[in-house]
Amino acid sequence: MDKTRSAPARVVSLAKSGEHGFSKQAFERIKVVQGIGVEGDAHAGEKVQHLSRVKANPDQPNLRQVHLIHAELFEELREKGFAVGPADLGENIVTAGIALLELPRGAVLRIGPDVALELTGLRNPCAQIEAFQKGLLAAVLDRRPDGELVRKAGVMSVVLSGGEIAVGDSIEVLLPPGPHQPLAPV
């Protein structure tokens, strides 16, 4: 599934915020807690923490504990004239060398020696992206030749095993048994 094999898959950037807002603050290291998410992040918890989802049903499980974006998206957006970088889009982890959007639901990312994150679905880009920079919402959406909508704003995951993650840590992708189910918005 890795499209780029010139360099090993790795963590490029890390971020968190204790406040519900759009962008986050960059850190060299973060701690993730099994079944909870990023320690000190507003979206950490066993139950849903995303404000609009809490209003709909506060008892649903939190399938959005850790948000990951591929660094290649920032390059694509820069080429389209946007000034967007790590931590700007509210992600916790920026990866390089992994085609995140092509991974199936249930794929596990082993990060560093201890951490395992299970992919639960796609981030559904919202109006906050458009408020951040005009035209950005359309830039993180695309259409396949068959007309199907492509959401490029990252993937969501839950923490299977916790520990510390540092910028530069290696990432190993473990695919679930087939047949594979594509990622859908969560």
N, C-alpha and C. Protein backbone atom coordinates (compact mmCIF):
# COMPACT_ATOMS: atom_id res chain seq x y z
N MET A 1 0.81 -1.19 0.00
CA MET A 1 0.00 0.00 0.00
C MET A 1 0.86 1.26 0.00
N ASP A 2 2.10 1.17 0.43
CA ASP A 2 2.95 2.35 0.45
C ASP A 2 3.27 2.74 -0.98
N LYS A 3 2.99 4.00 -1.33
CA LYS A 3 3.28 4.49 -2.67
C LYS A 3 4.73 4.90 -2.81
N THR A 4 5.29 5.45 -1.74
CA THR A 4 6.67 5.93 -1.81
C THR A 4 7.56 5.00 -1.01
N ARG A 5 8.50 4.38 -1.67
CA ARG A 5 9.40 3.46 -1.00
C ARG A 5 10.81 4.03 -0.93
N SER A 6 11.00 5.27 -1.41
CA SER A 6 12.33 5.87 -1.38
C SER A 6 12.77 6.15 0.05
N ALA A 7 11.84 6.39 0.94
CA ALA A 7 12.16 6.63 2.35
C ALA A 7 11.19 5.83 3.19
N PRO A 8 11.63 5.37 4.35
CA PRO A 8 10.71 4.61 5.21
C PRO A 8 9.58 5.51 5.72
N ALA A 9 8.43 4.90 5.96
CA ALA A 9 7.30 5.64 6.51
C ALA A 9 7.69 6.16 7.90
N ARG A 10 7.30 7.42 8.16
CA ARG A 10 7.72 8.03 9.42
C ARG A 10 6.76 9.14 9.85
N VAL A 11 6.91 9.55 11.11
CA VAL A 11 6.18 10.67 11.67
C VAL A 11 6.93 11.94 11.32
N VAL A 12 6.23 12.91 10.72
CA VAL A 12 6.82 14.17 10.31
C VAL A 12 6.54 15.28 11.33
N SER A 13 5.34 15.23 11.93
CA SER A 13 4.93 16.29 12.85
C SER A 13 3.90 15.73 13.82
N LEU A 14 3.84 16.35 15.01
CA LEU A 14 2.88 15.96 16.05
C LEU A 14 2.22 17.22 16.59
N ALA A 15 0.95 17.11 17.00
CA ALA A 15 0.25 18.28 17.52
C ALA A 15 -0.88 17.86 18.44
N LYS A 16 -1.26 18.78 19.31
CA LYS A 16 -2.42 18.59 20.18
C LYS A 16 -2.89 19.95 20.66
N SER A 17 -4.11 19.96 21.20
CA SER A 17 -4.66 21.17 21.80
C SER A 17 -5.67 20.76 22.86
N GLY A 18 -5.59 21.38 24.01
CA GLY A 18 -6.54 21.11 25.08
C GLY A 18 -7.86 21.81 24.88
N GLU A 19 -7.93 22.70 23.90
CA GLU A 19 -9.14 23.47 23.60
C GLU A 19 -9.78 22.95 22.32
N HIS A 20 -11.12 23.01 22.29
CA HIS A 20 -11.82 22.70 21.04
C HIS A 20 -11.64 23.91 20.12
N GLY A 21 -10.93 23.71 19.05
CA GLY A 21 -10.68 24.74 18.06
C GLY A 21 -10.27 24.05 16.79
N PHE A 22 -9.81 24.80 15.83
CA PHE A 22 -9.46 24.19 14.55
C PHE A 22 -8.02 23.72 14.50
N SER A 23 -7.07 24.63 14.63
CA SER A 23 -5.66 24.27 14.56
C SER A 23 -5.16 23.81 15.93
N LYS A 24 -4.02 23.16 15.93
CA LYS A 24 -3.41 22.66 17.17
C LYS A 24 -2.00 23.20 17.29
N GLN A 25 -1.36 22.94 18.42
CA GLN A 25 0.01 23.38 18.67
C GLN A 25 0.96 22.22 18.41
N ALA A 26 2.07 22.50 17.71
CA ALA A 26 3.05 21.46 17.38
C ALA A 26 3.90 21.10 18.60
N PHE A 27 4.25 19.81 18.69
CA PHE A 27 5.11 19.29 19.76
C PHE A 27 6.11 18.31 19.13
N GLU A 28 7.25 18.13 19.77
CA GLU A 28 8.23 17.14 19.33
C GLU A 28 7.83 15.73 19.75
N ARG A 29 7.05 15.64 20.85
CA ARG A 29 6.60 14.36 21.39
C ARG A 29 5.18 14.51 21.89
N ILE A 30 4.40 13.43 21.77
CA ILE A 30 3.08 13.37 22.39
C ILE A 30 2.94 11.99 23.01
N LYS A 31 2.04 11.89 23.97
CA LYS A 31 1.73 10.60 24.58
C LYS A 31 0.31 10.23 24.18
N VAL A 32 0.13 8.98 23.73
CA VAL A 32 -1.21 8.49 23.44
C VAL A 32 -1.56 7.42 24.47
N VAL A 33 -2.84 7.40 24.85
CA VAL A 33 -3.33 6.51 25.90
C VAL A 33 -4.31 5.52 25.28
N GLN A 34 -4.10 4.25 25.57
CA GLN A 34 -4.95 3.19 25.02
C GLN A 34 -6.42 3.48 25.27
N GLY A 35 -7.22 3.41 24.19
CA GLY A 35 -8.67 3.60 24.30
C GLY A 35 -9.12 5.02 24.55
N ILE A 36 -8.19 5.97 24.60
CA ILE A 36 -8.52 7.36 24.94
C ILE A 36 -8.12 8.33 23.83
N GLY A 37 -6.84 8.30 23.43
CA GLY A 37 -6.34 9.23 22.42
C GLY A 37 -5.11 9.96 22.90
N VAL A 38 -4.90 11.16 22.38
CA VAL A 38 -3.71 11.96 22.70
C VAL A 38 -3.90 12.64 24.05
N GLU A 39 -3.00 12.34 24.96
CA GLU A 39 -3.07 12.94 26.30
C GLU A 39 -3.02 14.47 26.17
N GLY A 40 -3.98 15.14 26.81
CA GLY A 40 -4.02 16.60 26.78
C GLY A 40 -4.72 17.19 25.58
N ASP A 41 -5.30 16.34 24.70
CA ASP A 41 -6.01 16.84 23.53
C ASP A 41 -7.51 16.87 23.81
N ALA A 42 -8.19 17.89 23.31
CA ALA A 42 -9.62 18.05 23.54
C ALA A 42 -10.45 16.90 22.98
N HIS A 43 -9.92 16.16 22.01
CA HIS A 43 -10.68 15.07 21.40
C HIS A 43 -10.42 13.71 22.04
N ALA A 44 -9.62 13.68 23.10
CA ALA A 44 -9.33 12.42 23.78
C ALA A 44 -10.51 12.00 24.64
N GLY A 45 -10.82 10.71 24.63
CA GLY A 45 -11.89 10.17 25.47
C GLY A 45 -12.43 8.88 24.89
N GLU A 46 -13.01 8.07 25.76
CA GLU A 46 -13.63 6.82 25.32
C GLU A 46 -14.90 7.09 24.52
N LYS A 47 -15.64 8.11 24.92
CA LYS A 47 -16.86 8.52 24.23
C LYS A 47 -16.54 9.69 23.31
N VAL A 48 -17.36 9.89 22.30
CA VAL A 48 -17.17 10.93 21.31
C VAL A 48 -16.91 12.29 21.97
N GLN A 49 -15.98 13.05 21.42
CA GLN A 49 -15.61 14.36 21.96
C GLN A 49 -15.85 15.49 20.96
N HIS A 50 -16.03 15.15 19.69
CA HIS A 50 -16.28 16.15 18.66
C HIS A 50 -17.60 16.83 18.99
N LEU A 51 -17.59 18.16 19.14
CA LEU A 51 -18.73 18.88 19.70
C LEU A 51 -20.06 18.61 18.99
N SER A 52 -20.07 18.60 17.66
CA SER A 52 -21.33 18.37 16.96
C SER A 52 -21.83 16.94 17.18
N ARG A 53 -20.92 16.01 17.33
CA ARG A 53 -21.31 14.62 17.56
C ARG A 53 -21.78 14.40 19.00
N VAL A 54 -21.20 15.15 19.93
CA VAL A 54 -21.63 15.09 21.33
C VAL A 54 -23.09 15.55 21.43
N LYS A 55 -23.43 16.62 20.69
CA LYS A 55 -24.81 17.13 20.69
C LYS A 55 -25.77 16.07 20.15
N ALA A 56 -25.36 15.35 19.12
CA ALA A 56 -26.22 14.34 18.51
C ALA A 56 -26.40 13.12 19.42
N ASN A 57 -25.30 12.65 20.04
CA ASN A 57 -25.36 11.47 20.91
C ASN A 57 -24.06 11.38 21.70
N PRO A 58 -24.04 11.85 22.94
CA PRO A 58 -22.81 11.85 23.73
C PRO A 58 -22.33 10.46 24.17
N ASP A 59 -23.14 9.44 23.96
CA ASP A 59 -22.78 8.09 24.41
C ASP A 59 -22.14 7.22 23.34
N GLN A 60 -21.99 7.75 22.12
CA GLN A 60 -21.38 6.94 21.06
C GLN A 60 -19.87 6.82 21.29
N PRO A 61 -19.29 5.71 20.87
CA PRO A 61 -17.85 5.53 21.06
C PRO A 61 -17.05 6.55 20.25
N ASN A 62 -15.89 6.89 20.77
CA ASN A 62 -15.01 7.85 20.10
C ASN A 62 -14.16 7.12 19.07
N LEU A 63 -14.54 7.20 17.83
CA LEU A 63 -13.79 6.58 16.73
C LEU A 63 -12.79 7.56 16.13
N ARG A 64 -12.68 8.76 16.75
CA ARG A 64 -11.84 9.84 16.25
C ARG A 64 -10.82 10.26 17.32
N GLN A 65 -10.21 9.29 17.98
CA GLN A 65 -9.27 9.59 19.06
C GLN A 65 -8.00 10.27 18.56
N VAL A 66 -7.49 9.82 17.41
CA VAL A 66 -6.26 10.38 16.85
C VAL A 66 -6.49 10.63 15.36
N HIS A 67 -6.17 11.85 14.93
CA HIS A 67 -6.35 12.28 13.54
C HIS A 67 -4.99 12.31 12.85
N LEU A 68 -4.87 11.64 11.72
CA LEU A 68 -3.62 11.60 10.96
C LEU A 68 -3.83 12.20 9.57
N ILE A 69 -2.83 12.94 9.10
CA ILE A 69 -2.83 13.48 7.74
C ILE A 69 -1.48 13.12 7.12
N HIS A 70 -1.49 12.85 5.83
CA HIS A 70 -0.26 12.56 5.09
C HIS A 70 0.39 13.88 4.66
N ALA A 71 1.69 14.00 4.87
CA ALA A 71 2.44 15.22 4.55
C ALA A 71 2.29 15.59 3.08
N GLU A 72 2.09 14.61 2.24
CA GLU A 72 1.95 14.85 0.82
C GLU A 72 0.76 15.76 0.51
N LEU A 73 -0.27 15.77 1.39
CA LEU A 73 -1.41 16.65 1.20
C LEU A 73 -0.97 18.11 1.30
N PHE A 74 -0.09 18.42 2.25
CA PHE A 74 0.37 19.80 2.39
C PHE A 74 1.12 20.26 1.14
N GLU A 75 1.91 19.36 0.57
CA GLU A 75 2.62 19.69 -0.68
C GLU A 75 1.61 19.97 -1.79
N GLU A 76 0.59 19.13 -1.91
CA GLU A 76 -0.44 19.31 -2.93
C GLU A 76 -1.16 20.65 -2.74
N LEU A 77 -1.48 20.99 -1.50
CA LEU A 77 -2.18 22.24 -1.23
C LEU A 77 -1.30 23.46 -1.51
N ARG A 78 -0.01 23.36 -1.19
CA ARG A 78 0.92 24.46 -1.51
C ARG A 78 0.97 24.69 -3.02
N GLU A 79 1.00 23.62 -3.78
CA GLU A 79 1.01 23.74 -5.25
C GLU A 79 -0.25 24.42 -5.77
N LYS A 80 -1.34 24.35 -5.00
CA LYS A 80 -2.60 25.00 -5.38
C LYS A 80 -2.70 26.42 -4.82
N GLY A 81 -1.64 26.87 -4.14
CA GLY A 81 -1.61 28.24 -3.64
C GLY A 81 -2.05 28.45 -2.20
N PHE A 82 -2.22 27.37 -1.44
CA PHE A 82 -2.63 27.50 -0.04
C PHE A 82 -1.41 27.47 0.87
N ALA A 83 -1.47 28.26 1.94
CA ALA A 83 -0.41 28.27 2.96
C ALA A 83 -0.90 27.43 4.13
N VAL A 84 -0.65 26.13 4.05
CA VAL A 84 -1.12 25.19 5.06
C VAL A 84 0.02 24.27 5.42
N GLY A 85 0.21 24.04 6.72
CA GLY A 85 1.27 23.16 7.16
C GLY A 85 0.83 22.34 8.35
N PRO A 86 1.76 21.57 8.91
CA PRO A 86 1.45 20.73 10.07
C PRO A 86 0.81 21.52 11.21
N ALA A 87 -0.18 20.90 11.83
CA ALA A 87 -0.97 21.40 12.96
C ALA A 87 -2.06 22.36 12.53
N ASP A 88 -2.02 22.87 11.31
CA ASP A 88 -3.02 23.84 10.85
C ASP A 88 -4.41 23.25 10.70
N LEU A 89 -4.52 22.00 10.26
CA LEU A 89 -5.82 21.40 9.96
C LEU A 89 -6.37 20.58 11.13
N GLY A 90 -5.78 20.72 12.30
CA GLY A 90 -6.31 20.06 13.48
C GLY A 90 -5.90 18.62 13.66
N GLU A 91 -4.92 18.18 12.88
CA GLU A 91 -4.47 16.78 12.99
C GLU A 91 -3.51 16.63 14.17
N ASN A 92 -3.39 15.38 14.63
CA ASN A 92 -2.44 15.05 15.70
C ASN A 92 -1.11 14.55 15.16
N ILE A 93 -1.16 13.82 14.04
CA ILE A 93 0.05 13.21 13.49
C ILE A 93 0.10 13.45 11.99
N VAL A 94 1.26 13.92 11.51
CA VAL A 94 1.49 14.02 10.08
C VAL A 94 2.47 12.91 9.72
N THR A 95 2.11 12.12 8.71
CA THR A 95 2.94 11.00 8.26
C THR A 95 3.56 11.32 6.91
N ALA A 96 4.61 10.60 6.59
CA ALA A 96 5.20 10.66 5.25
C ALA A 96 5.48 9.22 4.82
N GLY A 97 5.28 8.96 3.52
CA GLY A 97 5.60 7.64 2.98
C GLY A 97 4.50 6.61 3.09
N ILE A 98 3.28 7.03 3.45
CA ILE A 98 2.14 6.11 3.55
C ILE A 98 0.97 6.70 2.79
N ALA A 99 0.36 5.92 1.93
CA ALA A 99 -0.86 6.35 1.24
C ALA A 99 -2.03 6.11 2.19
N LEU A 100 -2.15 6.98 3.20
CA LEU A 100 -3.15 6.80 4.26
C LEU A 100 -4.56 6.57 3.73
N LEU A 101 -4.95 7.36 2.73
CA LEU A 101 -6.32 7.31 2.24
C LEU A 101 -6.65 6.00 1.53
N GLU A 102 -5.63 5.26 1.14
CA GLU A 102 -5.85 3.99 0.43
C GLU A 102 -5.88 2.79 1.37
N LEU A 103 -5.58 3.01 2.64
CA LEU A 103 -5.58 1.90 3.59
C LEU A 103 -7.02 1.48 3.92
N PRO A 104 -7.23 0.21 4.25
CA PRO A 104 -8.58 -0.24 4.59
C PRO A 104 -8.91 0.04 6.06
N ARG A 105 -10.20 0.04 6.33
CA ARG A 105 -10.66 0.13 7.72
C ARG A 105 -10.05 -1.05 8.49
N GLY A 106 -9.57 -0.77 9.70
CA GLY A 106 -8.97 -1.81 10.52
C GLY A 106 -7.47 -1.96 10.34
N ALA A 107 -6.88 -1.24 9.38
CA ALA A 107 -5.41 -1.27 9.25
C ALA A 107 -4.82 -0.71 10.54
N VAL A 108 -3.69 -1.26 10.94
CA VAL A 108 -3.02 -0.82 12.17
C VAL A 108 -1.69 -0.17 11.80
N LEU A 109 -1.46 0.99 12.39
CA LEU A 109 -0.18 1.68 12.23
C LEU A 109 0.61 1.49 13.52
N ARG A 110 1.75 0.81 13.41
CA ARG A 110 2.67 0.64 14.55
C ARG A 110 3.65 1.80 14.47
N ILE A 111 3.65 2.65 15.49
CA ILE A 111 4.49 3.84 15.50
C ILE A 111 5.49 3.72 16.63
N GLY A 112 6.78 3.78 16.26
CA GLY A 112 7.81 3.64 17.28
C GLY A 112 7.72 2.27 17.93
N PRO A 113 8.29 2.13 19.13
CA PRO A 113 8.34 0.82 19.77
C PRO A 113 7.05 0.35 20.42
N ASP A 114 6.12 1.27 20.76
CA ASP A 114 5.00 0.87 21.60
C ASP A 114 3.61 1.12 21.05
N VAL A 115 3.44 2.14 20.23
CA VAL A 115 2.10 2.63 19.87
C VAL A 115 1.51 1.85 18.70
N ALA A 116 0.21 1.55 18.81
CA ALA A 116 -0.56 0.95 17.72
C ALA A 116 -1.88 1.70 17.60
N LEU A 117 -2.14 2.21 16.40
CA LEU A 117 -3.39 2.92 16.10
C LEU A 117 -4.15 2.14 15.05
N GLU A 118 -5.45 1.94 15.28
CA GLU A 118 -6.30 1.25 14.31
C GLU A 118 -7.13 2.28 13.56
N LEU A 119 -7.06 2.25 12.22
CA LEU A 119 -7.82 3.20 11.42
C LEU A 119 -9.30 2.86 11.46
N THR A 120 -10.11 3.89 11.73
CA THR A 120 -11.56 3.71 11.83
C THR A 120 -12.30 4.33 10.66
N GLY A 121 -11.72 5.35 10.02
CA GLY A 121 -12.40 5.98 8.91
C GLY A 121 -11.74 7.27 8.47
N LEU A 122 -12.45 7.97 7.59
CA LEU A 122 -11.96 9.22 7.02
C LEU A 122 -12.47 10.41 7.81
N ARG A 123 -11.67 11.46 7.84
CA ARG A 123 -12.15 12.72 8.38
C ARG A 123 -13.04 13.33 7.30
N ASN A 124 -14.22 13.75 7.70
CA ASN A 124 -15.12 14.42 6.78
C ASN A 124 -14.86 15.91 6.90
N PRO A 125 -14.25 16.53 5.89
CA PRO A 125 -13.93 17.95 6.01
C PRO A 125 -15.19 18.79 6.21
N CYS A 126 -15.08 19.81 7.08
CA CYS A 126 -16.23 20.62 7.44
C CYS A 126 -16.00 22.09 7.08
N ALA A 127 -16.99 22.90 7.38
CA ALA A 127 -16.94 24.33 7.05
C ALA A 127 -15.79 25.05 7.74
N GLN A 128 -15.28 24.51 8.86
CA GLN A 128 -14.16 25.16 9.54
C GLN A 128 -12.94 25.23 8.63
N ILE A 129 -12.79 24.27 7.73
CA ILE A 129 -11.66 24.29 6.79
C ILE A 129 -11.81 25.49 5.85
N GLU A 130 -13.02 25.74 5.41
CA GLU A 130 -13.27 26.89 4.53
C GLU A 130 -13.04 28.21 5.28
N ALA A 131 -13.42 28.24 6.56
CA ALA A 131 -13.21 29.45 7.37
C ALA A 131 -11.71 29.69 7.59
N PHE A 132 -10.92 28.62 7.66
CA PHE A 132 -9.48 28.74 7.86
C PHE A 132 -8.82 29.43 6.67
N GLN A 133 -9.17 28.97 5.45
CA GLN A 133 -8.69 29.60 4.21
C GLN A 133 -9.74 29.41 3.13
N LYS A 134 -10.16 30.50 2.54
CA LYS A 134 -11.19 30.45 1.50
C LYS A 134 -10.73 29.55 0.34
N GLY A 135 -11.61 28.63 -0.06
CA GLY A 135 -11.32 27.71 -1.14
C GLY A 135 -10.68 26.40 -0.70
N LEU A 136 -10.28 26.32 0.57
CA LEU A 136 -9.58 25.13 1.07
C LEU A 136 -10.49 23.90 1.14
N LEU A 137 -11.76 24.11 1.46
CA LEU A 137 -12.67 22.97 1.53
C LEU A 137 -12.73 22.25 0.18
N ALA A 138 -12.88 22.98 -0.90
CA ALA A 138 -12.91 22.37 -2.23
C ALA A 138 -11.58 21.70 -2.56
N ALA A 139 -10.48 22.26 -2.05
CA ALA A 139 -9.15 21.70 -2.34
C ALA A 139 -8.90 20.37 -1.64
N VAL A 140 -9.60 20.10 -0.54
CA VAL A 140 -9.41 18.82 0.16
C VAL A 140 -10.49 17.81 -0.22
N LEU A 141 -11.27 18.15 -1.21
CA LEU A 141 -12.26 17.24 -1.78
C LEU A 141 -11.93 17.04 -3.25
N ASP A 142 -12.24 15.86 -3.76
CA ASP A 142 -11.99 15.57 -5.16
C ASP A 142 -13.06 14.58 -5.61
N ARG A 143 -13.04 14.23 -6.87
CA ARG A 143 -13.96 13.22 -7.41
C ARG A 143 -13.17 12.20 -8.20
N ARG A 144 -13.50 10.94 -8.00
CA ARG A 144 -12.93 9.87 -8.81
C ARG A 144 -13.60 9.89 -10.19
N PRO A 145 -12.99 9.21 -11.16
CA PRO A 145 -13.61 9.17 -12.49
C PRO A 145 -15.06 8.68 -12.48
N ASP A 146 -15.40 7.81 -11.50
CA ASP A 146 -16.78 7.30 -11.42
C ASP A 146 -17.71 8.27 -10.69
N GLY A 147 -17.18 9.44 -10.27
CA GLY A 147 -17.99 10.45 -9.61
C GLY A 147 -17.99 10.37 -8.09
N GLU A 148 -17.41 9.31 -7.53
CA GLU A 148 -17.39 9.16 -6.07
C GLU A 148 -16.53 10.24 -5.44
N LEU A 149 -17.03 10.81 -4.33
CA LEU A 149 -16.34 11.86 -3.61
C LEU A 149 -15.09 11.31 -2.90
N VAL A 150 -13.98 12.02 -3.00
CA VAL A 150 -12.73 11.66 -2.33
C VAL A 150 -12.46 12.72 -1.27
N ARG A 151 -12.37 12.27 -0.03
CA ARG A 151 -12.07 13.16 1.09
C ARG A 151 -10.59 13.01 1.41
N LYS A 152 -9.84 14.11 1.32
CA LYS A 152 -8.38 14.05 1.47
C LYS A 152 -7.88 14.65 2.78
N ALA A 153 -8.78 14.99 3.72
CA ALA A 153 -8.39 15.69 4.95
C ALA A 153 -7.91 14.76 6.06
N GLY A 154 -7.52 13.54 5.72
CA GLY A 154 -6.92 12.66 6.71
C GLY A 154 -7.80 11.51 7.13
N VAL A 155 -7.24 10.73 8.06
CA VAL A 155 -7.91 9.54 8.57
C VAL A 155 -8.00 9.63 10.09
N MET A 156 -8.95 8.91 10.64
CA MET A 156 -9.17 8.87 12.08
C MET A 156 -8.82 7.48 12.60
N SER A 157 -8.45 7.44 13.88
CA SER A 157 -8.04 6.16 14.46
C SER A 157 -8.35 6.11 15.95
N VAL A 158 -8.27 4.89 16.48
CA VAL A 158 -8.36 4.66 17.92
C VAL A 158 -7.02 4.06 18.37
N VAL A 159 -6.73 4.25 19.65
CA VAL A 159 -5.45 3.79 20.19
C VAL A 159 -5.60 2.37 20.74
N LEU A 160 -4.91 1.41 20.10
CA LEU A 160 -4.91 0.02 20.57
C LEU A 160 -3.88 -0.18 21.68
N SER A 161 -2.71 0.45 21.53
CA SER A 161 -1.71 0.41 22.60
C SER A 161 -1.02 1.77 22.64
N GLY A 162 -0.89 2.27 23.85
CA GLY A 162 -0.38 3.61 24.05
C GLY A 162 1.12 3.67 24.26
N GLY A 163 1.59 4.89 24.40
CA GLY A 163 3.00 5.15 24.62
C GLY A 163 3.34 6.52 24.07
N GLU A 164 4.62 6.77 23.95
CA GLU A 164 5.08 8.06 23.46
C GLU A 164 5.42 7.97 21.98
N ILE A 165 5.09 9.03 21.26
CA ILE A 165 5.42 9.15 19.84
C ILE A 165 6.31 10.38 19.70
N ALA A 166 7.38 10.25 18.92
CA ALA A 166 8.28 11.37 18.66
C ALA A 166 8.37 11.63 17.17
N VAL A 167 8.60 12.90 16.81
CA VAL A 167 8.86 13.24 15.42
C VAL A 167 10.04 12.40 14.95
N GLY A 168 9.91 11.80 13.78
CA GLY A 168 10.95 10.93 13.22
C GLY A 168 10.72 9.46 13.46
N ASP A 169 9.80 9.10 14.36
CA ASP A 169 9.53 7.68 14.61
C ASP A 169 9.10 6.98 13.32
N SER A 170 9.50 5.72 13.19
CA SER A 170 9.11 4.92 12.03
C SER A 170 7.67 4.45 12.20
N ILE A 171 7.04 4.15 11.07
CA ILE A 171 5.66 3.66 11.05
C ILE A 171 5.61 2.40 10.20
N GLU A 172 5.01 1.37 10.76
CA GLU A 172 4.79 0.12 10.04
C GLU A 172 3.29 -0.06 9.85
N VAL A 173 2.87 -0.44 8.64
CA VAL A 173 1.46 -0.65 8.33
C VAL A 173 1.17 -2.14 8.38
N LEU A 174 0.17 -2.52 9.17
CA LEU A 174 -0.30 -3.91 9.25
C LEU A 174 -1.73 -3.95 8.73
N LEU A 175 -1.94 -4.72 7.67
CA LEU A 175 -3.26 -4.81 7.07
C LEU A 175 -4.10 -5.87 7.76
N PRO A 176 -5.42 -5.63 7.90
CA PRO A 176 -6.29 -6.63 8.50
C PRO A 176 -6.52 -7.76 7.52
N PRO A 177 -7.04 -8.89 8.00
CA PRO A 177 -7.39 -9.98 7.09
C PRO A 177 -8.43 -9.49 6.10
N GLY A 178 -8.40 -10.00 4.89
CA GLY A 178 -9.36 -9.62 3.87
C GLY A 178 -10.69 -10.30 4.07
N PRO A 179 -11.70 -9.95 3.35
CA PRO A 179 -11.66 -8.86 2.36
C PRO A 179 -11.62 -7.50 3.06
N HIS A 180 -10.91 -6.57 2.44
CA HIS A 180 -10.72 -5.25 3.03
C HIS A 180 -11.91 -4.35 2.75
N GLN A 181 -12.26 -3.55 3.75
CA GLN A 181 -13.34 -2.57 3.64
C GLN A 181 -12.71 -1.18 3.50
N PRO A 182 -13.12 -0.40 2.52
CA PRO A 182 -12.54 0.94 2.37
C PRO A 182 -12.92 1.85 3.54
N LEU A 183 -12.10 2.84 3.79
CA LEU A 183 -12.39 3.82 4.82
C LEU A 183 -13.59 4.66 4.39
N ALA A 184 -14.48 4.96 5.32
CA ALA A 184 -15.64 5.81 5.09
C ALA A 184 -15.62 6.89 6.16
N PRO A 185 -16.33 7.99 5.96
CA PRO A 185 -16.34 9.05 6.98
C PRO A 185 -16.83 8.55 8.33
N VAL A 186 -16.16 9.02 9.39
CA VAL A 186 -16.59 8.72 10.77
C VAL A 186 -16.73 10.02 11.54
